[in-house]
Amino acid sequence: MRRKIEDEWDARACLRLAKAAGVSVGEWAGKNGVDGRSLNAWRINLSRAGASGAAAVSPPRLVELVTAAPSRADARYVVHVDGARIELADDFREETLLRLVRALRAC
């Protein structure tokens, strides 16, 4: 079974590789274990988005939060990204946040 394209970034990476290899999208997909129909659908949708002037969506980025002053012990931070929610208390450990982010990226 060939893998389906996961998201826009996956599609763009595969399309760049096919172009660099100088072969058709279907040929590249077949040689690399990718579902050609899935990749071609992404190719069509991305080209339509480009023709309509729609801007590509940037990948999410992490922003470091630094406590500027002592805060209340019951302060909470809630981060929503693509339907995922992370809620942390003010005393969270950086290692814990990094583990959570790695787990979300793996999904």
Protein backbone atom coordinates (compact mmCIF):
# COMPACT_ATOMS: atom_id res chain seq x y z
CA MET A 1 0.00 0.00 0.00
CA ARG A 2 1.36 3.39 -0.96
CA ARG A 3 1.32 6.21 1.56
CA LYS A 4 -1.01 9.16 1.09
CA ILE A 5 0.27 12.71 1.25
CA GLU A 6 -0.16 13.99 4.81
CA ASP A 7 -0.38 17.76 4.34
CA GLU A 8 0.63 20.72 2.21
CA TRP A 9 4.27 20.62 3.33
CA ASP A 10 4.54 16.91 2.51
CA ALA A 11 2.98 17.55 -0.92
CA ARG A 12 5.28 20.47 -1.70
CA ALA A 13 8.35 18.45 -0.68
CA CYS A 14 7.33 15.50 -2.90
CA LEU A 15 6.54 17.79 -5.83
CA ARG A 16 9.95 19.48 -5.49
CA LEU A 17 11.67 16.08 -5.47
CA ALA A 18 9.75 14.94 -8.57
CA LYS A 19 10.70 18.14 -10.39
CA ALA A 20 14.36 17.80 -9.34
CA ALA A 21 14.37 14.20 -10.59
CA GLY A 22 13.05 15.38 -13.95
CA VAL A 23 10.22 12.83 -14.04
CA SER A 24 6.44 13.05 -13.98
CA VAL A 25 4.65 13.26 -10.65
CA GLY A 26 3.12 9.81 -11.25
CA GLU A 27 6.45 8.21 -12.12
CA TRP A 28 8.17 9.76 -9.10
CA ALA A 29 5.32 8.67 -6.80
CA GLY A 30 5.47 5.08 -8.08
CA LYS A 31 9.22 4.86 -7.51
CA ASN A 32 9.00 6.36 -4.01
CA GLY A 33 6.07 4.52 -2.41
CA VAL A 34 3.69 7.48 -2.60
CA ASP A 35 0.06 7.27 -3.73
CA GLY A 36 0.17 8.99 -7.13
CA ARG A 37 -3.51 9.99 -7.03
CA SER A 38 -3.03 11.66 -3.65
CA LEU A 39 0.05 13.56 -4.82
CA ASN A 40 -1.60 14.57 -8.09
CA ALA A 41 -4.67 15.86 -6.24
CA TRP A 42 -2.38 17.99 -4.07
CA ARG A 43 -0.56 19.22 -7.19
CA ILE A 44 -3.87 20.32 -8.75
CA ASN A 45 -5.14 21.97 -5.57
CA LEU A 46 -1.87 23.80 -4.98
CA SER A 47 -1.78 25.05 -8.57
CA ARG A 48 -5.39 26.28 -8.23
CA ALA A 49 -4.53 28.06 -4.99
CA GLY A 50 -1.58 29.72 -6.74
CA ALA A 51 -3.77 30.77 -9.68
CA SER A 52 -6.36 32.32 -7.36
CA GLY A 53 -3.69 34.33 -5.55
CA ALA A 54 -4.23 32.50 -2.27
CA ALA A 55 -1.18 32.69 -0.06
CA ALA A 56 0.41 29.49 1.14
CA VAL A 57 -0.10 28.78 4.81
CA SER A 58 3.08 29.03 6.84
CA PRO A 59 3.96 26.16 9.14
CA PRO A 60 3.32 26.83 12.82
CA ARG A 61 6.29 28.20 14.74
CA LEU A 62 7.18 28.10 18.40
CA VAL A 63 7.59 31.28 20.36
CA GLU A 64 9.54 31.28 23.61
CA LEU A 65 7.60 32.56 26.63
CA VAL A 66 9.71 34.15 29.33
CA THR A 67 8.29 35.26 32.66
CA ALA A 68 8.95 38.96 33.05
CA ALA A 69 7.94 39.16 36.68
CA PRO A 70 6.84 36.80 39.42
CA SER A 71 3.35 35.65 38.61
CA ARG A 72 0.43 34.16 40.44
CA ALA A 73 0.76 30.49 41.31
CA ASP A 74 -2.54 29.65 39.64
CA ALA A 75 -1.73 31.25 36.23
CA ARG A 76 -2.54 29.01 33.23
CA TYR A 77 -1.37 29.10 29.62
CA VAL A 78 -3.46 27.53 26.87
CA VAL A 79 -2.12 27.02 23.35
CA HIS A 80 -4.38 25.91 20.48
CA VAL A 81 -2.76 24.63 17.25
CA ASP A 82 -4.73 22.87 14.49
CA GLY A 83 -7.30 21.47 16.89
CA ALA A 84 -4.74 20.42 19.49
CA ARG A 85 -4.75 22.06 22.91
CA ILE A 86 -1.90 22.32 25.41
CA GLU A 87 -2.63 23.77 28.84
CA LEU A 88 0.21 24.50 31.25
CA ALA A 89 0.46 25.98 34.71
CA ASP A 90 2.85 28.86 35.33
CA ASP A 91 5.34 26.47 36.94
CA PHE A 92 5.65 24.16 33.90
CA ARG A 93 9.03 22.67 33.07
CA GLU A 94 10.56 23.40 29.67
CA GLU A 95 11.33 19.69 29.16
CA THR A 96 7.63 18.90 29.57
CA LEU A 97 6.61 21.42 26.93
CA LEU A 98 9.26 20.08 24.53
CA ARG A 99 7.96 16.51 25.01
CA LEU A 100 4.41 17.69 24.32
CA VAL A 101 5.42 19.55 21.16
CA ARG A 102 7.37 16.52 19.88
CA ALA A 103 4.34 14.32 20.50
CA LEU A 104 2.08 16.73 18.58
CA ARG A 105 4.51 16.89 15.66
CA ALA A 106 4.45 13.08 15.45
CA CYS A 107 0.69 13.08 14.89
